[in-house]
Amino acid sequence: MLIVLSPAKSLDFAPVSRPATAPRWQEDAARLARSARNLTLRDLRALMDISDDLARLNRDRFRDFAADPAPERTKPAVFAFAGDTYVGLDAATISDADIAHAQDRLRLLSGLYGLLRPLDAIQPYRLEMGSRLQTRRGATLYAYWGDRIARALREDAAAAGTDTLINCASVEYFTAADRPALKLRVITPTFLEDKAGRQSVVSFFAKRARGAMARFVILNRLTDPADLAGFTAGGYRLDPALSAPDRPVFVRPAA
């Protein structure tokens, strides 16, 4: 099975002693960074709905973004992303052998890079997939990437010998991949908190659970979607009554 995750806004660029690989669309990332580099601070604030300080930080990141960066300016993506999903994944505690397996089975969606393998070297950036960044291909990043992400996922799935995609990404990011060109079975786990018999999605916990699900699939080398039912990290349990074949629902008592 192939797994997809969203990226994270929070980054950690402390050095790690892990080998890095080149992103497949580094040239596109540099092109998008040049487009964003031309925006004013006011434009960046509006584009990303961020504060003045964050606008300055990201202006500087786009200004410093290199088409062919020196290794010391990059970090493997799975170790650089530091948001809730990556807390759940906890890549720092995954063995080299399991990271090598993840390199074939895990993909990270990205507004700037399109699609990343875990060890692909990234530079510091922030650019959500839903951003309305004007490029020669249209007014949004969805228009920029078109069906290339879907086609690349289909090719990566074929190389891994699977026709199944485990979607642990957000709606914003998976919208860029969910195209007719994908042609894969998509299974989207849902994670709910149960409070006095009422179930709801709590974003903070759901993000961590998505990362933990990716970890579960990778560490156990799962190939059969039925084995997702064994996921129990964080106290979640499959609820068969709420689940559908391509939408397994996991529930745990609310804290």
C-alpha atoms as a PDB file:
ATOM      1  CA  MET A   1       0.000   0.000   0.000  1.00  0.00           C
ATOM      2  CA  LEU A   2       1.073   3.576  -0.681  1.00  0.00           C
ATOM      3  CA  ILE A   3       0.413   6.199   2.010  1.00  0.00           C
ATOM      4  CA  VAL A   4       0.056   9.970   1.642  1.00  0.00           C
ATOM      5  CA  LEU A   5       0.402  12.642   4.305  1.00  0.00           C
ATOM      6  CA  SER A   6       0.050  16.409   4.309  1.00  0.00           C
ATOM      7  CA  PRO A   7       3.158  18.494   5.059  1.00  0.00           C
ATOM      8  CA  ALA A   8       3.436  20.718   8.143  1.00  0.00           C
ATOM      9  CA  LYS A   9       3.686  24.452   8.662  1.00  0.00           C
ATOM     10  CA  SER A  10       6.019  23.921  11.627  1.00  0.00           C
ATOM     11  CA  LEU A  11       9.588  23.065  10.653  1.00  0.00           C
ATOM     12  CA  ASP A  12      12.660  21.755  12.459  1.00  0.00           C
ATOM     13  CA  PHE A  13      15.913  22.270  10.592  1.00  0.00           C
ATOM     14  CA  ALA A  14      18.280  20.963  13.254  1.00  0.00           C
ATOM     15  CA  PRO A  15      20.785  18.730  11.429  1.00  0.00           C
ATOM     16  CA  VAL A  16      20.221  14.979  11.186  1.00  0.00           C
ATOM     17  CA  SER A  17      22.655  12.294  10.085  1.00  0.00           C
ATOM     18  CA  ARG A  18      20.419  10.771   7.434  1.00  0.00           C
ATOM     19  CA  PRO A  19      21.124  10.621   3.695  1.00  0.00           C
ATOM     20  CA  ALA A  20      19.004  12.838   1.479  1.00  0.00           C
ATOM     21  CA  THR A  21      17.538  12.389  -1.993  1.00  0.00           C
ATOM     22  CA  ALA A  22      16.616  14.956  -4.632  1.00  0.00           C
ATOM     23  CA  PRO A  23      12.961  15.990  -4.980  1.00  0.00           C
ATOM     24  CA  ARG A  24      11.562  14.945  -8.352  1.00  0.00           C
ATOM     25  CA  TRP A  25      10.212  18.448  -9.023  1.00  0.00           C
ATOM     26  CA  GLN A  26      12.973  20.640  -7.616  1.00  0.00           C
ATOM     27  CA  GLU A  27      12.825  22.839 -10.707  1.00  0.00           C
ATOM     28  CA  ASP A  28       9.112  23.467 -10.179  1.00  0.00           C
ATOM     29  CA  ALA A  29       9.727  24.308  -6.522  1.00  0.00           C
ATOM     30  CA  ALA A  30      12.329  26.881  -7.550  1.00  0.00           C
ATOM     31  CA  ARG A  31       9.920  28.331 -10.119  1.00  0.00           C
ATOM     32  CA  LEU A  32       7.135  28.668  -7.546  1.00  0.00           C
ATOM     33  CA  ALA A  33       9.558  30.211  -5.052  1.00  0.00           C
ATOM     34  CA  ARG A  34      10.490  32.823  -7.672  1.00  0.00           C
ATOM     35  CA  SER A  35       6.800  33.623  -8.172  1.00  0.00           C
ATOM     36  CA  ALA A  36       6.298  34.037  -4.432  1.00  0.00           C
ATOM     37  CA  ARG A  37       9.511  36.067  -4.154  1.00  0.00           C
ATOM     38  CA  ASN A  38       7.905  38.804  -6.229  1.00  0.00           C
ATOM     39  CA  LEU A  39       5.066  39.288  -3.745  1.00  0.00           C
ATOM     40  CA  THR A  40       5.042  42.174  -1.285  1.00  0.00           C
ATOM     41  CA  LEU A  41       4.709  41.612   2.452  1.00  0.00           C
ATOM     42  CA  ARG A  42       1.091  42.675   2.159  1.00  0.00           C
ATOM     43  CA  ASP A  43       0.550  40.140  -0.618  1.00  0.00           C
ATOM     44  CA  LEU A  44       2.148  37.369   1.454  1.00  0.00           C
ATOM     45  CA  ARG A  45       0.004  38.221   4.461  1.00  0.00           C
ATOM     46  CA  ALA A  46      -3.107  37.959   2.339  1.00  0.00           C
ATOM     47  CA  LEU A  47      -1.963  34.858   0.453  1.00  0.00           C
ATOM     48  CA  MET A  48      -1.269  32.852   3.605  1.00  0.00           C
ATOM     49  CA  ASP A  49      -3.419  34.703   6.167  1.00  0.00           C
ATOM     50  CA  ILE A  50      -0.395  35.198   8.410  1.00  0.00           C
ATOM     51  CA  SER A  51       1.064  37.869  10.674  1.00  0.00           C
ATOM     52  CA  ASP A  52       3.587  40.530   9.677  1.00  0.00           C
ATOM     53  CA  ASP A  53       6.388  38.572  11.365  1.00  0.00           C
ATOM     54  CA  LEU A  54       5.528  35.369   9.516  1.00  0.00           C
ATOM     55  CA  ALA A  55       5.214  37.294   6.266  1.00  0.00           C
ATOM     56  CA  ARG A  56       8.763  38.626   6.731  1.00  0.00           C
ATOM     57  CA  LEU A  57      10.057  35.165   7.611  1.00  0.00           C
ATOM     58  CA  ASN A  58       8.565  33.633   4.505  1.00  0.00           C
ATOM     59  CA  ARG A  59       9.634  36.528   2.275  1.00  0.00           C
ATOM     60  CA  ASP A  60      13.190  35.800   3.422  1.00  0.00           C
ATOM     61  CA  ARG A  61      12.729  32.069   2.826  1.00  0.00           C
ATOM     62  CA  PHE A  62      11.544  32.620  -0.736  1.00  0.00           C
ATOM     63  CA  ARG A  63      14.361  35.135  -1.322  1.00  0.00           C
ATOM     64  CA  ASP A  64      16.948  32.596  -0.128  1.00  0.00           C
ATOM     65  CA  PHE A  65      15.429  29.588  -1.911  1.00  0.00           C
ATOM     66  CA  ALA A  66      18.044  28.057  -4.217  1.00  0.00           C
ATOM     67  CA  ALA A  67      17.433  26.086  -7.399  1.00  0.00           C
ATOM     68  CA  ASP A  68      20.439  23.903  -6.517  1.00  0.00           C
ATOM     69  CA  PRO A  69      20.842  24.250  -2.739  1.00  0.00           C
ATOM     70  CA  ALA A  70      23.919  23.301  -0.771  1.00  0.00           C
ATOM     71  CA  PRO A  71      23.264  20.198   1.379  1.00  0.00           C
ATOM     72  CA  GLU A  72      23.672  22.169   4.612  1.00  0.00           C
ATOM     73  CA  ARG A  73      20.698  24.337   3.632  1.00  0.00           C
ATOM     74  CA  THR A  74      18.370  21.342   3.325  1.00  0.00           C
ATOM     75  CA  LYS A  75      16.946  18.525   5.431  1.00  0.00           C
ATOM     76  CA  PRO A  76      15.097  15.309   4.551  1.00  0.00           C
ATOM     77  CA  ALA A  77      11.418  16.206   4.466  1.00  0.00           C
ATOM     78  CA  VAL A  78      10.159  13.614   6.945  1.00  0.00           C
ATOM     79  CA  PHE A  79      12.554  14.991   9.573  1.00  0.00           C
ATOM     80  CA  ALA A  80      12.044  18.664   8.664  1.00  0.00           C
ATOM     81  CA  PHE A  81       8.253  18.721   9.041  1.00  0.00           C
ATOM     82  CA  ALA A  82       7.377  19.103  12.718  1.00  0.00           C
ATOM     83  CA  GLY A  83       3.588  19.522  12.979  1.00  0.00           C
ATOM     84  CA  ASP A  84       1.100  17.274  14.761  1.00  0.00           C
ATOM     85  CA  THR A  85       1.022  14.642  12.003  1.00  0.00           C
ATOM     86  CA  TYR A  86       4.796  14.268  12.277  1.00  0.00           C
ATOM     87  CA  VAL A  87       4.602  13.989  16.052  1.00  0.00           C
ATOM     88  CA  GLY A  88       2.365  10.978  15.427  1.00  0.00           C
ATOM     89  CA  LEU A  89       4.715   9.581  12.790  1.00  0.00           C
ATOM     90  CA  ASP A  90       7.764  10.174  15.048  1.00  0.00           C
ATOM     91  CA  ALA A  91      10.254   9.535  12.244  1.00  0.00           C
ATOM     92  CA  ALA A  92      13.253  10.131  14.510  1.00  0.00           C
ATOM     93  CA  THR A  93      12.554   6.794  16.238  1.00  0.00           C
ATOM     94  CA  ILE A  94      12.071   4.810  13.008  1.00  0.00           C
ATOM     95  CA  SER A  95      14.997   2.578  12.046  1.00  0.00           C
ATOM     96  CA  ASP A  96      17.054   3.110   8.910  1.00  0.00           C
ATOM     97  CA  ALA A  97      15.541  -0.058   7.421  1.00  0.00           C
ATOM     98  CA  ASP A  98      12.019   1.194   8.053  1.00  0.00           C
ATOM     99  CA  ILE A  99      12.849   4.633   6.631  1.00  0.00           C
ATOM    100  CA  ALA A 100      14.171   2.882   3.522  1.00  0.00           C
ATOM    101  CA  HIS A 101      10.845   1.044   3.282  1.00  0.00           C
ATOM    102  CA  ALA A 102       8.984   4.333   3.775  1.00  0.00           C
ATOM    103  CA  GLN A 103      10.972   5.853   0.916  1.00  0.00           C
ATOM    104  CA  ASP A 104       9.086   3.474  -1.388  1.00  0.00           C
ATOM    105  CA  ARG A 105       5.724   3.539   0.397  1.00  0.00           C
ATOM    106  CA  LEU A 106       5.185   6.997   1.914  1.00  0.00           C
ATOM    107  CA  ARG A 107       4.550  10.217   0.009  1.00  0.00           C
ATOM    108  CA  LEU A 108       4.255  13.745   1.403  1.00  0.00           C
ATOM    109  CA  LEU A 109       2.077  16.185  -0.510  1.00  0.00           C
ATOM    110  CA  SER A 110       3.428  19.727  -0.815  1.00  0.00           C
ATOM    111  CA  GLY A 111       2.218  23.003  -2.260  1.00  0.00           C
ATOM    112  CA  LEU A 112       5.774  23.963  -3.219  1.00  0.00           C
ATOM    113  CA  TYR A 113       7.330  20.610  -4.125  1.00  0.00           C
ATOM    114  CA  GLY A 114       4.204  18.798  -5.325  1.00  0.00           C
ATOM    115  CA  LEU A 115       5.125  15.343  -4.057  1.00  0.00           C
ATOM    116  CA  LEU A 116       7.978  14.301  -1.782  1.00  0.00           C
ATOM    117  CA  ARG A 117       9.548  11.060  -0.646  1.00  0.00           C
ATOM    118  CA  PRO A 118      10.532  10.965   3.045  1.00  0.00           C
ATOM    119  CA  LEU A 119      14.238  11.537   2.386  1.00  0.00           C
ATOM    120  CA  ASP A 120      13.844  14.229  -0.275  1.00  0.00           C
ATOM    121  CA  ALA A 121      15.898  17.281   0.678  1.00  0.00           C
ATOM    122  CA  ILE A 122      13.775  20.379   1.228  1.00  0.00           C
ATOM    123  CA  GLN A 123      14.565  23.967   2.071  1.00  0.00           C
ATOM    124  CA  PRO A 124      12.594  25.965   4.663  1.00  0.00           C
ATOM    125  CA  TYR A 125       9.301  27.149   3.195  1.00  0.00           C
ATOM    126  CA  ARG A 126       5.628  27.673   3.800  1.00  0.00           C
ATOM    127  CA  LEU A 127       3.140  27.474   0.947  1.00  0.00           C
ATOM    128  CA  GLU A 128      -0.184  25.741   1.517  1.00  0.00           C
ATOM    129  CA  MET A 129      -1.713  23.772  -1.334  1.00  0.00           C
ATOM    130  CA  GLY A 130      -4.857  25.904  -1.177  1.00  0.00           C
ATOM    131  CA  SER A 131      -2.905  29.135  -1.807  1.00  0.00           C
ATOM    132  CA  ARG A 132      -4.091  31.305  -4.676  1.00  0.00           C
ATOM    133  CA  LEU A 133      -0.631  31.913  -6.097  1.00  0.00           C
ATOM    134  CA  GLN A 134      -0.775  33.212  -9.649  1.00  0.00           C
ATOM    135  CA  THR A 135       1.498  31.365 -12.081  1.00  0.00           C
ATOM    136  CA  ARG A 136       1.610  30.848 -15.813  1.00  0.00           C
ATOM    137  CA  ARG A 137      -0.567  27.747 -15.276  1.00  0.00           C
ATOM    138  CA  GLY A 138      -3.395  29.505 -13.451  1.00  0.00           C
ATOM    139  CA  ALA A 139      -4.481  31.286 -10.313  1.00  0.00           C
ATOM    140  CA  THR A 140      -4.027  28.429  -7.818  1.00  0.00           C
ATOM    141  CA  LEU A 141      -1.558  25.715  -6.934  1.00  0.00           C
ATOM    142  CA  TYR A 142      -4.203  23.156  -7.882  1.00  0.00           C
ATOM    143  CA  ALA A 143      -4.069  24.607 -11.385  1.00  0.00           C
ATOM    144  CA  TYR A 144      -0.270  24.656 -11.329  1.00  0.00           C
ATOM    145  CA  TRP A 145       0.099  20.980 -10.419  1.00  0.00           C
ATOM    146  CA  GLY A 146      -2.859  19.773 -12.476  1.00  0.00           C
ATOM    147  CA  ASP A 147      -2.928  15.974 -12.619  1.00  0.00           C
ATOM    148  CA  ARG A 148       0.838  15.511 -12.240  1.00  0.00           C
ATOM    149  CA  ILE A 149       0.581  14.540  -8.562  1.00  0.00           C
ATOM    150  CA  ALA A 150      -2.115  11.963  -9.320  1.00  0.00           C
ATOM    151  CA  ARG A 151      -0.091  10.478 -12.167  1.00  0.00           C
ATOM    152  CA  ALA A 152       3.068  10.340 -10.049  1.00  0.00           C
ATOM    153  CA  LEU A 153       1.210   8.577  -7.231  1.00  0.00           C
ATOM    154  CA  ARG A 154      -0.161   6.035  -9.691  1.00  0.00           C
ATOM    155  CA  GLU A 155       3.350   5.409 -11.020  1.00  0.00           C
ATOM    156  CA  ASP A 156       4.802   5.113  -7.501  1.00  0.00           C
ATOM    157  CA  ALA A 157       2.060   2.688  -6.505  1.00  0.00           C
ATOM    158  CA  ALA A 158       2.796   0.551  -9.566  1.00  0.00           C
ATOM    159  CA  ALA A 159       6.505   0.542  -8.707  1.00  0.00           C
ATOM    160  CA  ALA A 160       5.619  -0.596  -5.174  1.00  0.00           C
ATOM    161  CA  GLY A 161       3.353  -3.323  -6.556  1.00  0.00           C
ATOM    162  CA  THR A 162       0.098  -1.991  -5.138  1.00  0.00           C
ATOM    163  CA  ASP A 163      -3.164  -0.513  -6.391  1.00  0.00           C
ATOM    164  CA  THR A 164      -4.212   0.873  -2.989  1.00  0.00           C
ATOM    165  CA  LEU A 165      -3.594   4.335  -1.531  1.00  0.00           C
ATOM    166  CA  ILE A 166      -4.054   5.062   2.175  1.00  0.00           C
ATOM    167  CA  ASN A 167      -5.077   8.698   2.369  1.00  0.00           C
ATOM    168  CA  CYS A 168      -3.901  10.201   5.658  1.00  0.00           C
ATOM    169  CA  ALA A 169      -3.765  13.726   4.220  1.00  0.00           C
ATOM    170  CA  SER A 170      -6.126  16.639   4.770  1.00  0.00           C
ATOM    171  CA  VAL A 171      -8.883  17.482   2.304  1.00  0.00           C
ATOM    172  CA  GLU A 172      -6.939  20.587   1.216  1.00  0.00           C
ATOM    173  CA  TYR A 173      -3.937  18.527   0.172  1.00  0.00           C
ATOM    174  CA  PHE A 174      -5.606  15.395  -1.105  1.00  0.00           C
ATOM    175  CA  THR A 175      -7.731  17.521  -3.443  1.00  0.00           C
ATOM    176  CA  ALA A 176      -4.529  18.014  -5.459  1.00  0.00           C
ATOM    177  CA  ALA A 177      -4.153  14.235  -5.842  1.00  0.00           C
ATOM    178  CA  ASP A 178      -7.738  13.047  -6.155  1.00  0.00           C
ATOM    179  CA  ARG A 179      -8.034  13.285  -9.923  1.00  0.00           C
ATOM    180  CA  PRO A 180      -9.234  10.831 -12.604  1.00  0.00           C
ATOM    181  CA  ALA A 181      -5.574  10.159 -13.404  1.00  0.00           C
ATOM    182  CA  LEU A 182      -5.052   8.579  -9.966  1.00  0.00           C
ATOM    183  CA  LYS A 183      -6.878   5.315 -10.815  1.00  0.00           C
ATOM    184  CA  LEU A 184      -6.149   3.749  -7.411  1.00  0.00           C
ATOM    185  CA  ARG A 185      -8.332   2.416  -4.658  1.00  0.00           C
ATOM    186  CA  VAL A 186      -8.340   5.136  -1.989  1.00  0.00           C
ATOM    187  CA  ILE A 187      -8.886   4.281   1.668  1.00  0.00           C
ATOM    188  CA  THR A 188      -9.359   7.238   4.005  1.00  0.00           C
ATOM    189  CA  PRO A 189      -9.211   6.483   7.738  1.00  0.00           C
ATOM    190  CA  THR A 190     -11.232   8.734  10.042  1.00  0.00           C
ATOM    191  CA  PHE A 191     -10.378   9.300  13.708  1.00  0.00           C
ATOM    192  CA  LEU A 192     -13.070  10.306  16.192  1.00  0.00           C
ATOM    193  CA  GLU A 193     -13.203  11.260  19.860  1.00  0.00           C
ATOM    194  CA  ASP A 194     -16.158   9.870  21.815  1.00  0.00           C
ATOM    195  CA  LYS A 195     -17.599  12.031  24.558  1.00  0.00           C
ATOM    196  CA  ALA A 196     -20.651  10.646  26.312  1.00  0.00           C
ATOM    197  CA  GLY A 197     -21.678   8.704  23.225  1.00  0.00           C
ATOM    198  CA  ARG A 198     -21.181  11.564  20.788  1.00  0.00           C
ATOM    199  CA  GLN A 199     -18.362  11.201  18.262  1.00  0.00           C
ATOM    200  CA  SER A 200     -16.556  14.088  16.604  1.00  0.00           C
ATOM    201  CA  VAL A 201     -13.305  14.869  14.812  1.00  0.00           C
ATOM    202  CA  VAL A 202     -10.874  16.927  16.876  1.00  0.00           C
ATOM    203  CA  SER A 203      -8.308  18.252  14.402  1.00  0.00           C
ATOM    204  CA  PHE A 204      -5.332  18.202  16.778  1.00  0.00           C
ATOM    205  CA  PHE A 205      -5.840  14.541  17.671  1.00  0.00           C
ATOM    206  CA  ALA A 206      -6.863  13.471  14.170  1.00  0.00           C
ATOM    207  CA  LYS A 207      -3.640  14.880  12.698  1.00  0.00           C
ATOM    208  CA  ARG A 208      -1.534  12.946  15.195  1.00  0.00           C
ATOM    209  CA  ALA A 209      -3.526   9.799  14.504  1.00  0.00           C
ATOM    210  CA  ARG A 210      -2.923  10.113  10.753  1.00  0.00           C
ATOM    211  CA  GLY A 211       0.807  10.184  11.358  1.00  0.00           C
ATOM    212  CA  ALA A 212       0.525   7.250  13.758  1.00  0.00           C
ATOM    213  CA  MET A 213      -1.439   5.305  11.134  1.00  0.00           C
ATOM    214  CA  ALA A 214       1.307   5.908   8.568  1.00  0.00           C
ATOM    215  CA  ARG A 215       3.844   4.685  11.119  1.00  0.00           C
ATOM    216  CA  PHE A 216       1.734   1.575  11.800  1.00  0.00           C
ATOM    217  CA  VAL A 217       1.551   0.698   8.103  1.00  0.00           C
ATOM    218  CA  ILE A 218       5.285   1.242   7.574  1.00  0.00           C
ATOM    219  CA  LEU A 219       6.597  -0.570  10.657  1.00  0.00           C
ATOM    220  CA  ASN A 220       4.318  -3.564  10.110  1.00  0.00           C
ATOM    221  CA  ARG A 221       4.926  -3.700   6.343  1.00  0.00           C
ATOM    222  CA  LEU A 222       1.175  -3.873   5.748  1.00  0.00           C
ATOM    223  CA  THR A 223       0.010  -4.837   2.257  1.00  0.00           C
ATOM    224  CA  ASP A 224      -3.617  -5.846   2.923  1.00  0.00           C
ATOM    225  CA  PRO A 225      -6.092  -3.020   3.682  1.00  0.00           C
ATOM    226  CA  ALA A 226      -7.962  -5.368   6.044  1.00  0.00           C
ATOM    227  CA  ASP A 227      -4.958  -5.204   8.384  1.00  0.00           C
ATOM    228  CA  LEU A 228      -5.636  -1.528   9.085  1.00  0.00           C
ATOM    229  CA  ALA A 229      -8.250  -2.819  11.525  1.00  0.00           C
ATOM    230  CA  GLY A 230      -5.390  -3.691  13.886  1.00  0.00           C
ATOM    231  CA  PHE A 231      -4.508  -0.038  14.474  1.00  0.00           C
ATOM    232  CA  THR A 232      -4.753   0.740  18.205  1.00  0.00           C
ATOM    233  CA  ALA A 233      -2.213   3.544  18.726  1.00  0.00           C
ATOM    234  CA  GLY A 234      -3.336   6.215  21.159  1.00  0.00           C
ATOM    235  CA  GLY A 235      -6.266   4.120  22.331  1.00  0.00           C
ATOM    236  CA  TYR A 236      -8.164   4.139  19.033  1.00  0.00           C
ATOM    237  CA  ARG A 237     -10.221   1.113  18.031  1.00  0.00           C
ATOM    238  CA  LEU A 238     -11.970   0.336  14.762  1.00  0.00           C
ATOM    239  CA  ASP A 239     -15.727   0.877  14.978  1.00  0.00           C
ATOM    240  CA  PRO A 240     -17.257  -1.541  12.428  1.00  0.00           C
ATOM    241  CA  ALA A 241     -20.706   0.026  12.761  1.00  0.00           C
ATOM    242  CA  LEU A 242     -19.439   3.445  11.689  1.00  0.00           C
ATOM    243  CA  SER A 243     -17.015   2.166   9.052  1.00  0.00           C
ATOM    244  CA  ALA A 244     -17.369   1.563   5.327  1.00  0.00           C
ATOM    245  CA  PRO A 245     -15.020  -0.533   3.148  1.00  0.00           C
ATOM    246  CA  ASP A 246     -12.926   2.463   2.071  1.00  0.00           C
ATOM    247  CA  ARG A 247     -13.582   4.588   5.151  1.00  0.00           C
ATOM    248  CA  PRO A 248     -12.510   2.788   8.324  1.00  0.00           C
ATOM    249  CA  VAL A 249     -13.528   4.775  11.396  1.00  0.00           C
ATOM    250  CA  PHE A 250     -11.467   4.602  14.560  1.00  0.00           C
ATOM    251  CA  VAL A 251     -12.888   5.861  17.855  1.00  0.00           C
ATOM    252  CA  ARG A 252     -11.453   6.431  21.309  1.00  0.00           C
ATOM    253  CA  PRO A 253     -12.826   7.928  24.520  1.00  0.00           C
ATOM    254  CA  ALA A 254     -12.365  11.685  24.696  1.00  0.00           C
ATOM    255  CA  ALA A 255      -9.737  12.836  27.157  1.00  0.00           C
END
